[in-house]
N, C-alpha and C. Protein backbone atom coordinates (compact mmCIF):
# COMPACT_ATOMS: atom_id res chain seq x y z
N MET A 1 139.31 74.87 105.49
CA MET A 1 138.32 75.88 105.73
C MET A 1 139.02 77.13 106.25
N ARG A 2 138.63 78.28 105.68
CA ARG A 2 139.23 79.54 106.08
C ARG A 2 138.47 80.11 107.27
N ARG A 3 139.20 80.57 108.21
CA ARG A 3 138.59 81.16 109.40
C ARG A 3 138.46 82.67 109.20
N LEU A 4 137.25 83.19 109.44
CA LEU A 4 137.03 84.63 109.29
C LEU A 4 137.52 85.38 110.51
N LYS A 5 138.11 86.50 110.25
CA LYS A 5 138.52 87.38 111.33
C LYS A 5 137.53 88.53 111.41
N ILE A 6 137.51 89.21 112.52
CA ILE A 6 136.59 90.30 112.73
C ILE A 6 136.72 91.35 111.62
N LYS A 7 137.95 91.65 111.19
CA LYS A 7 138.13 92.67 110.18
C LYS A 7 137.59 92.24 108.82
N ASP A 8 137.35 90.93 108.59
CA ASP A 8 136.82 90.44 107.33
C ASP A 8 135.30 90.57 107.24
N ILE A 9 134.67 90.81 108.35
CA ILE A 9 133.21 90.85 108.37
C ILE A 9 132.73 92.30 108.28
N THR A 10 131.87 92.54 107.34
CA THR A 10 131.26 93.85 107.21
C THR A 10 129.86 93.76 107.80
N ILE A 11 129.60 94.59 108.73
CA ILE A 11 128.29 94.59 109.38
C ILE A 11 127.50 95.77 108.85
N LEU A 12 126.30 95.47 108.38
CA LEU A 12 125.42 96.53 107.91
C LEU A 12 124.81 97.20 109.13
N ASN A 13 124.90 98.48 109.16
CA ASN A 13 124.36 99.24 110.28
C ASN A 13 122.98 99.75 109.91
N TRP A 14 121.96 99.01 110.31
CA TRP A 14 120.58 99.43 110.08
C TRP A 14 120.16 100.30 111.23
N LYS A 15 120.08 101.55 110.96
CA LYS A 15 119.69 102.48 112.00
C LYS A 15 118.17 102.44 112.15
N MET A 16 117.72 102.20 113.36
CA MET A 16 116.30 102.19 113.61
C MET A 16 115.78 103.62 113.60
N ALA A 17 114.65 103.80 112.95
CA ALA A 17 114.04 105.12 112.90
C ALA A 17 113.35 105.41 114.23
N THR A 18 113.33 106.66 114.61
CA THR A 18 112.63 107.03 115.83
C THR A 18 111.13 107.05 115.55
N LYS A 19 110.35 107.11 116.62
CA LYS A 19 108.90 107.16 116.46
C LYS A 19 108.48 108.39 115.66
N GLU A 20 109.17 109.50 115.89
CA GLU A 20 108.84 110.73 115.17
C GLU A 20 109.13 110.58 113.68
N GLN A 21 110.27 109.96 113.36
CA GLN A 21 110.61 109.74 111.95
C GLN A 21 109.61 108.79 111.30
N ASN A 22 109.26 107.71 112.02
CA ASN A 22 108.27 106.77 111.49
C ASN A 22 106.94 107.47 111.24
N GLN A 23 106.54 108.33 112.18
CA GLN A 23 105.27 109.05 112.03
C GLN A 23 105.32 109.99 110.83
N GLU A 24 106.47 110.61 110.61
CA GLU A 24 106.63 111.50 109.45
C GLU A 24 106.52 110.71 108.15
N PHE A 25 107.19 109.55 108.09
CA PHE A 25 107.09 108.69 106.91
C PHE A 25 105.65 108.25 106.68
N PHE A 26 104.98 107.88 107.78
CA PHE A 26 103.59 107.45 107.72
C PHE A 26 102.70 108.58 107.18
N ASP A 27 102.88 109.77 107.71
CA ASP A 27 102.07 110.92 107.27
C ASP A 27 102.31 111.24 105.80
N ASN A 28 103.56 111.18 105.36
CA ASN A 28 103.87 111.43 103.95
C ASN A 28 103.19 110.39 103.05
N THR A 29 103.24 109.14 103.47
CA THR A 29 102.62 108.08 102.69
C THR A 29 101.11 108.26 102.63
N MET A 30 100.51 108.58 103.78
CA MET A 30 99.06 108.78 103.82
C MET A 30 98.66 109.93 102.91
N SER A 31 99.44 110.98 102.89
CA SER A 31 99.15 112.13 102.03
C SER A 31 99.18 111.72 100.56
N THR A 32 100.20 110.98 100.18
CA THR A 32 100.32 110.52 98.79
C THR A 32 99.16 109.62 98.41
N LEU A 33 98.84 108.66 99.28
CA LEU A 33 97.74 107.73 98.99
C LEU A 33 96.40 108.46 98.94
N ASN A 34 96.19 109.43 99.82
CA ASN A 34 94.94 110.19 99.81
C ASN A 34 94.80 111.01 98.52
N GLN A 35 95.90 111.56 98.04
CA GLN A 35 95.85 112.31 96.79
C GLN A 35 95.43 111.41 95.64
N ILE A 36 95.97 110.20 95.62
CA ILE A 36 95.61 109.26 94.55
C ILE A 36 94.15 108.84 94.69
N ALA A 37 93.72 108.56 95.91
CA ALA A 37 92.36 108.07 96.15
C ALA A 37 91.30 109.13 95.85
N THR A 38 91.65 110.40 95.96
CA THR A 38 90.67 111.46 95.73
C THR A 38 90.78 112.08 94.34
N ASN A 39 91.74 111.65 93.57
CA ASN A 39 91.93 112.19 92.22
C ASN A 39 90.90 111.56 91.28
N PRO A 40 90.03 112.37 90.67
CA PRO A 40 89.00 111.80 89.80
C PRO A 40 89.55 111.17 88.52
N SER A 41 90.78 111.47 88.15
CA SER A 41 91.35 110.87 86.95
C SER A 41 91.95 109.49 87.21
N THR A 42 92.01 109.09 88.49
CA THR A 42 92.48 107.74 88.83
C THR A 42 91.32 106.77 88.57
N PRO A 43 91.57 105.66 87.90
CA PRO A 43 90.50 104.69 87.64
C PRO A 43 89.80 104.25 88.94
N ARG A 44 88.51 104.01 88.83
CA ARG A 44 87.67 103.71 89.99
C ARG A 44 88.16 102.49 90.78
N ASN A 45 88.54 101.42 90.08
CA ASN A 45 88.97 100.22 90.80
C ASN A 45 90.26 100.48 91.59
N ILE A 46 91.14 101.29 91.06
CA ILE A 46 92.38 101.62 91.76
C ILE A 46 92.09 102.52 92.96
N ARG A 47 91.19 103.49 92.78
CA ARG A 47 90.80 104.34 93.91
C ARG A 47 90.22 103.51 95.05
N LYS A 48 89.39 102.51 94.71
CA LYS A 48 88.81 101.66 95.74
C LYS A 48 89.90 100.86 96.46
N ASN A 49 90.82 100.28 95.70
CA ASN A 49 91.93 99.52 96.31
C ASN A 49 92.77 100.41 97.23
N ILE A 50 93.06 101.61 96.78
CA ILE A 50 93.87 102.53 97.59
C ILE A 50 93.11 102.94 98.84
N THR A 51 91.81 103.20 98.71
CA THR A 51 90.99 103.56 99.88
C THR A 51 90.99 102.43 100.90
N ASP A 52 90.87 101.19 100.43
CA ASP A 52 90.93 100.03 101.34
C ASP A 52 92.31 99.94 102.02
N LEU A 53 93.35 100.21 101.25
CA LEU A 53 94.71 100.19 101.81
C LEU A 53 94.88 101.25 102.89
N ILE A 54 94.32 102.42 102.65
CA ILE A 54 94.42 103.51 103.63
C ILE A 54 93.77 103.09 104.94
N GLU A 55 92.62 102.45 104.85
CA GLU A 55 91.92 102.00 106.07
C GLU A 55 92.75 100.94 106.81
N GLU A 56 93.35 100.02 106.07
CA GLU A 56 94.20 99.01 106.71
C GLU A 56 95.43 99.65 107.35
N LEU A 57 95.99 100.63 106.69
CA LEU A 57 97.18 101.30 107.21
C LEU A 57 96.86 102.10 108.47
N LYS A 58 95.66 102.63 108.56
CA LYS A 58 95.24 103.39 109.74
C LYS A 58 94.93 102.48 110.93
N SER A 59 94.60 101.23 110.67
CA SER A 59 94.22 100.31 111.73
C SER A 59 95.36 100.16 112.74
N GLU A 60 95.01 100.17 114.01
CA GLU A 60 96.01 100.05 115.08
C GLU A 60 96.19 98.60 115.54
N GLU A 61 95.63 97.65 114.78
CA GLU A 61 95.67 96.24 115.19
C GLU A 61 97.10 95.69 115.24
N TYR A 62 97.94 96.12 114.31
CA TYR A 62 99.32 95.64 114.24
C TYR A 62 100.29 96.81 114.39
N PRO A 63 101.54 96.54 114.72
CA PRO A 63 102.54 97.61 114.79
C PRO A 63 102.71 98.29 113.42
N LEU A 64 103.17 99.52 113.45
CA LEU A 64 103.31 100.30 112.23
C LEU A 64 104.22 99.62 111.21
N SER A 65 105.29 99.00 111.65
CA SER A 65 106.21 98.36 110.71
C SER A 65 105.54 97.19 109.99
N VAL A 66 104.67 96.46 110.67
CA VAL A 66 103.96 95.34 110.05
C VAL A 66 102.94 95.87 109.05
N ARG A 67 102.22 96.92 109.43
CA ARG A 67 101.25 97.53 108.51
C ARG A 67 101.96 98.07 107.28
N ALA A 68 103.13 98.67 107.47
CA ALA A 68 103.89 99.21 106.34
C ALA A 68 104.32 98.09 105.39
N ALA A 69 104.80 96.99 105.95
CA ALA A 69 105.24 95.86 105.13
C ALA A 69 104.07 95.26 104.34
N ASN A 70 102.93 95.12 104.99
CA ASN A 70 101.75 94.59 104.30
C ASN A 70 101.31 95.53 103.19
N THR A 71 101.34 96.82 103.45
CA THR A 71 100.94 97.80 102.45
C THR A 71 101.89 97.79 101.26
N ILE A 72 103.18 97.65 101.52
CA ILE A 72 104.16 97.57 100.44
C ILE A 72 103.83 96.39 99.52
N SER A 73 103.53 95.26 100.12
CA SER A 73 103.20 94.07 99.34
C SER A 73 101.94 94.30 98.50
N LEU A 74 100.92 94.88 99.10
CA LEU A 74 99.68 95.12 98.37
C LEU A 74 99.85 96.18 97.28
N LEU A 75 100.65 97.20 97.57
CA LEU A 75 100.91 98.23 96.55
C LEU A 75 101.66 97.64 95.35
N ASP A 76 102.55 96.70 95.63
CA ASP A 76 103.27 96.05 94.54
C ASP A 76 102.29 95.33 93.62
N ASP A 77 101.29 94.66 94.22
CA ASP A 77 100.28 93.98 93.41
C ASP A 77 99.46 94.98 92.61
N ILE A 78 99.08 96.08 93.24
CA ILE A 78 98.25 97.09 92.57
C ILE A 78 98.99 97.72 91.39
N THR A 79 100.29 97.94 91.53
CA THR A 79 101.04 98.60 90.45
C THR A 79 101.19 97.72 89.21
N GLN A 80 100.84 96.46 89.32
CA GLN A 80 100.93 95.56 88.17
C GLN A 80 99.74 95.69 87.23
N ASP A 81 98.73 96.46 87.61
CA ASP A 81 97.54 96.65 86.79
C ASP A 81 97.91 97.35 85.48
N PRO A 82 97.66 96.71 84.34
CA PRO A 82 98.05 97.31 83.06
C PRO A 82 97.24 98.55 82.69
N ASN A 83 96.08 98.74 83.32
CA ASN A 83 95.25 99.90 83.01
C ASN A 83 95.60 101.13 83.84
N MET A 84 96.58 101.00 84.69
CA MET A 84 96.95 102.11 85.57
C MET A 84 97.74 103.18 84.80
N PRO A 85 97.32 104.44 84.95
CA PRO A 85 98.11 105.52 84.32
C PRO A 85 99.51 105.59 84.93
N ASN A 86 100.46 105.99 84.11
CA ASN A 86 101.86 106.03 84.56
C ASN A 86 102.07 106.95 85.75
N TYR A 87 101.40 108.10 85.78
CA TYR A 87 101.61 109.03 86.88
C TYR A 87 101.10 108.45 88.21
N VAL A 88 100.06 107.61 88.16
CA VAL A 88 99.57 106.96 89.39
C VAL A 88 100.58 105.91 89.84
N ARG A 89 101.09 105.13 88.90
CA ARG A 89 102.08 104.10 89.23
C ARG A 89 103.31 104.74 89.88
N THR A 90 103.75 105.86 89.32
CA THR A 90 104.91 106.55 89.86
C THR A 90 104.64 107.05 91.28
N SER A 91 103.45 107.58 91.52
CA SER A 91 103.09 108.03 92.87
C SER A 91 103.03 106.87 93.85
N LEU A 92 102.54 105.72 93.40
CA LEU A 92 102.49 104.55 94.27
C LEU A 92 103.90 104.06 94.60
N TRP A 93 104.80 104.11 93.64
CA TRP A 93 106.19 103.73 93.91
C TRP A 93 106.82 104.69 94.91
N GLN A 94 106.44 105.95 94.83
CA GLN A 94 106.93 106.93 95.79
C GLN A 94 106.44 106.57 97.20
N ALA A 95 105.18 106.15 97.31
CA ALA A 95 104.62 105.74 98.60
C ALA A 95 105.36 104.50 99.12
N VAL A 96 105.65 103.56 98.24
CA VAL A 96 106.38 102.35 98.64
C VAL A 96 107.77 102.74 99.17
N SER A 97 108.43 103.63 98.47
CA SER A 97 109.76 104.07 98.89
C SER A 97 109.73 104.70 100.28
N THR A 98 108.71 105.49 100.55
CA THR A 98 108.58 106.12 101.86
C THR A 98 108.28 105.07 102.93
N LEU A 99 107.40 104.12 102.61
CA LEU A 99 107.06 103.07 103.59
C LEU A 99 108.26 102.19 103.93
N GLU A 100 109.16 102.01 102.97
CA GLU A 100 110.34 101.18 103.23
C GLU A 100 111.26 101.76 104.30
N ASN A 101 111.11 103.04 104.58
CA ASN A 101 111.93 103.69 105.62
C ASN A 101 111.42 103.44 107.03
N ILE A 102 110.22 102.91 107.16
CA ILE A 102 109.65 102.69 108.49
C ILE A 102 110.26 101.45 109.10
N ARG A 103 110.88 101.63 110.26
CA ARG A 103 111.52 100.51 110.98
C ARG A 103 111.23 100.66 112.47
N GLU A 104 110.96 99.55 113.11
CA GLU A 104 110.76 99.55 114.56
C GLU A 104 111.66 98.53 115.22
């Protein structure tokens, strides 16, 4: 068995975001989701799902990082809808990307 030395180990440096950075990411995501939810060209069922997601994301019941992780999971499910226009799917992926930056 080979023994690892300190120099053989690469440690990933996950920098925790500050509260201000997390709030900025949250605000950007909310803006994107609100644009999708209020766009009349977005299919009605998707608008309803997004509106429900916005309410869950606003809820203070869980920490922001937990709400972000739950929202990412739900957005992934929503983007699988075959009737979704491509521009909406792209905007939702943008929201997911922003939510992935939230860390506590």
